[in-house]
Amino acid sequence: MTPKLEKGSIQDIMADNPPYLISSGTLTSAFEKIKNAATPERFTGDFVATVLGIKGGTGAALPPFFKRIGFVRSDGTPSELYNQFRNPGSSKKAAATAFRTAYKQLFERNEFIHKASDEDLKGVVVEATGLEPDNRVVSAIVGTFKAFRQFCDFDKPGDAGENVETDAHEAAESERRDMGPGAVGVGMNLAYTINLNLPATDDIKVFDAIFKSLKEHLLKK
C-alpha cells in the first residue's frame, strides 16, 4: 500500500512568478541608462541610485530583477549578456536572449508568446501564475513583459555566449535562496510526492500514529 500526497497538498507553497517590476517604466528607464553608463564592477543599489539616478523602492528592485534575467551574476558582477546589451550591434539580440530566459515559463505555454496580443498574454500569465485576472501582480508581469519586449529582436537566433544560461540559472537560484516572497516576482514553487510503505496490520492505531507524525513533521506551515 503506497498512498501519495498529490501536488498542491503542501500548504506552504510560495508562488514562482515570472519576473516583474511594479512600475514597468522603471525598466525602460534602466535599460536606456545602462547603455550610456560605464559598466560597474558590481551592479548594486548604490550604482542604481547614484549613477542611473533611479532612487527609492523602484531602484532597489532593479538589482534582484537584473539577476533574475541573467544580466547580473549572483555576486553582483555584470554578466557577458549585460556587456552585449550595451553594444548597439548586439543589444537587441542580447535582450531577446535574456527575455527568453526570464519568461521561459510563458514560452513553455506558447512559443510565440512574444507576438501575442495583450489579451492572450494576460491569459497565459493568469494560467502560469494561478492568480486572479485582476490581481496586481498579473498587471505588473504583463506591463514588465511588454516594456522588456520593446528592447528585443527575435528575428535573429540568440547567441549571447556559452556562459549566459549558466549565469542566469545561478542568479535565479541565488535570488530564491536570499530573498523573501513578493520581491520582483522572485520566489519558490515547491511540491512534494511522499511515498509511504505501511506495515501489514489491521490495527488502526498504527495508521493514526503514522499520519499524525507525518502531519506534525512534514506538513507544517
Protein backbone atom coordinates (compact mmCIF):
# COMPACT_ATOMS: atom_id res chain seq x y z
CA MET A 1 0.00 0.00 0.00
CA THR A 2 1.69 3.22 -1.15
CA PRO A 3 -0.54 6.28 -0.81
CA LYS A 4 0.66 9.52 -2.44
CA LEU A 5 0.09 13.10 -1.44
CA GLU A 6 -0.98 14.88 -4.62
CA LYS A 7 0.80 18.00 -5.85
CA GLY A 8 -0.61 21.04 -4.10
CA SER A 9 -1.39 19.25 -0.84
CA ILE A 10 1.51 21.05 0.86
CA GLN A 11 0.13 24.37 2.03
CA ASP A 12 3.47 26.09 2.44
CA ILE A 13 3.98 26.78 -1.29
CA MET A 14 5.41 30.10 -2.47
CA ALA A 15 4.40 31.46 -5.88
CA ASP A 16 7.07 31.19 -8.57
CA ASN A 17 6.02 34.02 -10.83
CA PRO A 18 7.75 35.38 -13.94
CA PRO A 19 9.92 38.42 -13.07
CA TYR A 20 8.24 41.79 -12.86
CA LEU A 21 8.57 45.33 -11.59
CA ILE A 22 5.62 47.21 -10.15
CA SER A 23 6.40 50.13 -12.46
CA SER A 24 7.31 48.93 -15.97
CA GLY A 25 8.56 52.43 -16.81
CA THR A 26 11.41 51.82 -14.37
CA LEU A 27 12.71 49.03 -16.61
CA THR A 28 12.55 51.21 -19.73
CA SER A 29 14.49 53.95 -17.96
CA ALA A 30 17.05 51.49 -16.56
CA PHE A 31 17.72 49.86 -19.94
CA GLU A 32 18.27 53.24 -21.62
CA LYS A 33 20.58 54.49 -18.87
CA ILE A 34 22.60 51.26 -18.74
CA LYS A 35 23.53 51.72 -22.39
CA ASN A 36 25.08 55.12 -21.64
CA ALA A 37 26.68 54.40 -18.27
CA ALA A 38 30.03 52.67 -17.85
CA THR A 39 29.79 49.03 -16.76
CA PRO A 40 30.17 48.90 -12.97
CA GLU A 41 32.29 46.38 -11.11
CA ARG A 42 29.11 45.38 -9.29
CA PHE A 43 25.51 46.22 -10.08
CA THR A 44 24.34 47.43 -6.68
CA GLY A 45 21.64 49.61 -5.20
CA ASP A 46 24.19 52.43 -4.88
CA PHE A 47 25.02 52.18 -8.59
CA VAL A 48 21.34 52.26 -9.49
CA ALA A 49 20.59 55.24 -7.26
CA THR A 50 23.74 57.27 -7.90
CA VAL A 51 24.77 56.51 -11.47
CA LEU A 52 21.46 55.53 -13.06
CA GLY A 53 19.57 58.05 -10.96
CA ILE A 54 16.73 55.65 -10.09
CA LYS A 55 16.05 56.00 -6.39
CA GLY A 56 13.71 54.66 -3.76
CA GLY A 57 11.88 51.38 -3.86
CA THR A 58 11.76 51.24 -7.65
CA GLY A 59 15.54 51.48 -7.83
CA ALA A 60 16.04 48.96 -5.04
CA ALA A 61 14.04 46.40 -7.04
CA LEU A 62 16.39 46.55 -10.04
CA PRO A 63 19.44 44.54 -8.79
CA PRO A 64 17.40 41.40 -7.98
CA PHE A 65 15.44 41.83 -11.22
CA PHE A 66 18.60 42.02 -13.31
CA LYS A 67 19.94 38.93 -11.55
CA ARG A 68 16.74 37.13 -12.39
CA ILE A 69 17.04 37.89 -16.12
CA GLY A 70 20.75 36.97 -16.29
CA PHE A 71 22.20 40.47 -16.72
CA VAL A 72 23.89 40.28 -13.32
CA ARG A 73 25.56 37.28 -11.70
CA SER A 74 24.78 36.10 -8.19
CA ASP A 75 27.78 38.02 -6.80
CA GLY A 76 26.54 41.28 -8.34
CA THR A 77 29.01 41.45 -11.22
CA PRO A 78 27.58 42.24 -14.67
CA SER A 79 27.42 39.20 -16.94
CA GLU A 80 28.55 38.89 -20.54
CA LEU A 81 24.92 39.36 -21.52
CA TYR A 82 24.95 42.74 -19.77
CA ASN A 83 28.02 43.76 -21.78
CA GLN A 84 26.49 42.61 -25.05
CA PHE A 85 23.33 44.57 -24.29
CA ARG A 86 25.42 47.76 -24.09
CA ASN A 87 26.85 47.09 -27.57
CA PRO A 88 24.50 48.67 -30.17
CA GLY A 89 25.33 45.89 -32.61
CA SER A 90 24.22 43.08 -30.28
CA SER A 91 21.90 44.91 -27.86
CA LYS A 92 18.54 43.66 -29.14
CA LYS A 93 19.78 40.11 -29.60
CA ALA A 94 21.18 40.04 -26.07
CA ALA A 95 17.91 41.41 -24.71
CA ALA A 96 15.98 38.70 -26.57
CA THR A 97 18.20 36.02 -25.02
CA ALA A 98 17.58 37.44 -21.54
CA PHE A 99 13.88 37.77 -22.31
CA ARG A 100 13.51 34.11 -23.28
CA THR A 101 15.37 33.08 -20.12
CA ALA A 102 13.30 35.34 -17.89
CA TYR A 103 9.96 34.31 -19.34
CA LYS A 104 10.69 30.66 -20.01
CA GLN A 105 7.59 29.77 -18.02
CA LEU A 106 5.42 31.67 -20.51
CA PHE A 107 7.26 30.44 -23.61
CA GLU A 108 6.66 26.86 -22.46
CA ARG A 109 2.94 27.54 -22.73
CA ASN A 110 3.10 29.49 -26.00
CA GLU A 111 6.30 29.51 -28.05
CA PHE A 112 5.13 32.71 -29.78
CA ILE A 113 4.12 34.49 -26.60
CA HIS A 114 6.31 37.47 -27.61
CA LYS A 115 3.90 38.04 -30.51
CA ALA A 116 0.72 37.53 -28.51
CA SER A 117 -1.97 40.17 -28.15
CA ASP A 118 -2.44 41.86 -24.79
CA GLU A 119 -5.48 39.69 -24.09
CA ASP A 120 -3.72 36.44 -24.96
CA LEU A 121 -0.63 37.45 -23.00
CA LYS A 122 -2.71 38.17 -19.91
CA GLY A 123 -4.45 34.82 -20.29
CA VAL A 124 -1.13 32.95 -20.33
CA VAL A 125 0.12 34.93 -17.31
CA VAL A 126 -3.05 34.05 -15.41
CA GLU A 127 -2.58 30.39 -16.38
CA ALA A 128 1.09 30.37 -15.35
CA THR A 129 0.64 32.15 -12.02
CA GLY A 130 -2.73 30.81 -10.96
CA LEU A 131 -3.70 34.34 -9.88
CA GLU A 132 -6.95 36.19 -10.48
CA PRO A 133 -7.09 38.18 -13.77
CA ASP A 134 -7.45 41.46 -11.87
CA ASN A 135 -4.58 40.72 -9.48
CA ARG A 136 -1.99 43.47 -9.30
CA VAL A 137 0.85 41.03 -9.92
CA VAL A 138 -0.72 39.90 -13.21
CA SER A 139 -0.83 43.51 -14.40
CA ALA A 140 2.77 44.05 -13.30
CA ILE A 141 4.02 40.96 -15.14
CA VAL A 142 2.19 41.95 -18.32
CA GLY A 143 3.48 45.53 -18.11
CA THR A 144 7.07 44.47 -17.47
CA PHE A 145 6.89 41.86 -20.24
CA LYS A 146 5.74 44.47 -22.77
CA ALA A 147 8.36 47.04 -21.69
CA PHE A 148 11.11 44.41 -21.91
CA ARG A 149 9.90 43.17 -25.30
CA GLN A 150 10.47 46.57 -26.89
CA PHE A 151 14.23 46.16 -26.49
CA CYS A 152 14.37 42.72 -28.14
CA ASP A 153 14.95 41.38 -31.64
CA PHE A 154 13.53 37.88 -32.02
CA ASP A 155 14.21 37.57 -35.76
CA LYS A 156 17.82 36.55 -35.28
CA PRO A 157 18.86 33.44 -33.36
CA GLY A 158 20.25 34.29 -29.94
CA ASP A 159 23.97 33.77 -29.45
CA ALA A 160 24.99 35.53 -26.29
CA GLY A 161 27.87 33.29 -25.31
CA GLU A 162 28.15 29.93 -23.61
CA ASN A 163 28.09 31.35 -20.09
CA VAL A 164 24.78 33.20 -20.38
CA GLU A 165 22.49 30.33 -19.47
CA THR A 166 24.71 29.39 -16.53
CA ASP A 167 24.80 32.99 -15.32
CA ALA A 168 21.02 33.27 -15.48
CA HIS A 169 20.49 29.94 -13.72
CA GLU A 170 22.97 30.73 -10.93
CA ALA A 171 21.50 34.19 -10.43
CA ALA A 172 17.96 32.86 -10.21
CA GLU A 173 18.97 30.19 -7.70
CA SER A 174 20.79 32.79 -5.62
CA GLU A 175 17.75 35.04 -5.56
CA ARG A 176 15.49 32.18 -4.48
CA ARG A 177 17.80 31.48 -1.55
CA ASP A 178 18.41 35.06 -0.48
CA MET A 179 15.11 36.84 -1.00
CA GLY A 180 11.74 36.60 0.66
CA PRO A 181 8.43 36.16 -1.18
CA GLY A 182 6.92 39.03 -3.17
CA ALA A 183 10.10 40.79 -4.34
CA VAL A 184 10.02 41.41 -8.13
CA GLY A 185 8.28 38.14 -8.64
CA VAL A 186 11.10 36.02 -7.30
CA GLY A 187 10.00 33.02 -5.26
CA MET A 188 9.93 29.29 -4.95
CA ASN A 189 7.43 26.73 -6.09
CA LEU A 190 7.68 23.55 -4.04
CA ALA A 191 5.63 20.40 -4.46
CA TYR A 192 6.21 17.02 -2.88
CA THR A 193 5.30 13.42 -3.58
CA ILE A 194 5.64 11.30 -0.46
CA ASN A 195 5.65 7.52 -0.73
CA LEU A 196 4.73 5.58 2.40
CA ASN A 197 5.34 1.88 2.87
CA LEU A 198 2.77 0.97 5.51
CA PRO A 199 3.02 -2.14 7.71
CA ALA A 200 0.66 -5.03 7.16
CA THR A 201 -1.64 -4.61 10.15
CA ASP A 202 -5.30 -4.26 10.94
CA ASP A 203 -4.64 -2.04 13.96
CA ILE A 204 -5.99 1.41 13.04
CA LYS A 205 -3.95 2.97 15.84
CA VAL A 206 -0.76 2.23 13.91
CA PHE A 207 -2.02 4.18 10.90
CA ASP A 208 -3.26 7.02 13.11
CA ALA A 209 0.20 7.34 14.66
CA ILE A 210 1.94 7.35 11.29
CA PHE A 211 -0.25 10.05 9.76
CA LYS A 212 -0.17 12.13 12.92
CA SER A 213 3.63 12.12 12.79
CA LEU A 214 3.56 12.97 9.08
CA LYS A 215 1.29 15.95 9.72
CA GLU A 216 3.39 17.25 12.63
CA HIS A 217 6.79 16.97 10.98
CA LEU A 218 6.26 17.30 7.21
CA LEU A 219 3.09 19.25 6.61
CA LYS A 220 3.68 22.20 8.88
CA LYS A 221 3.13 25.68 7.51
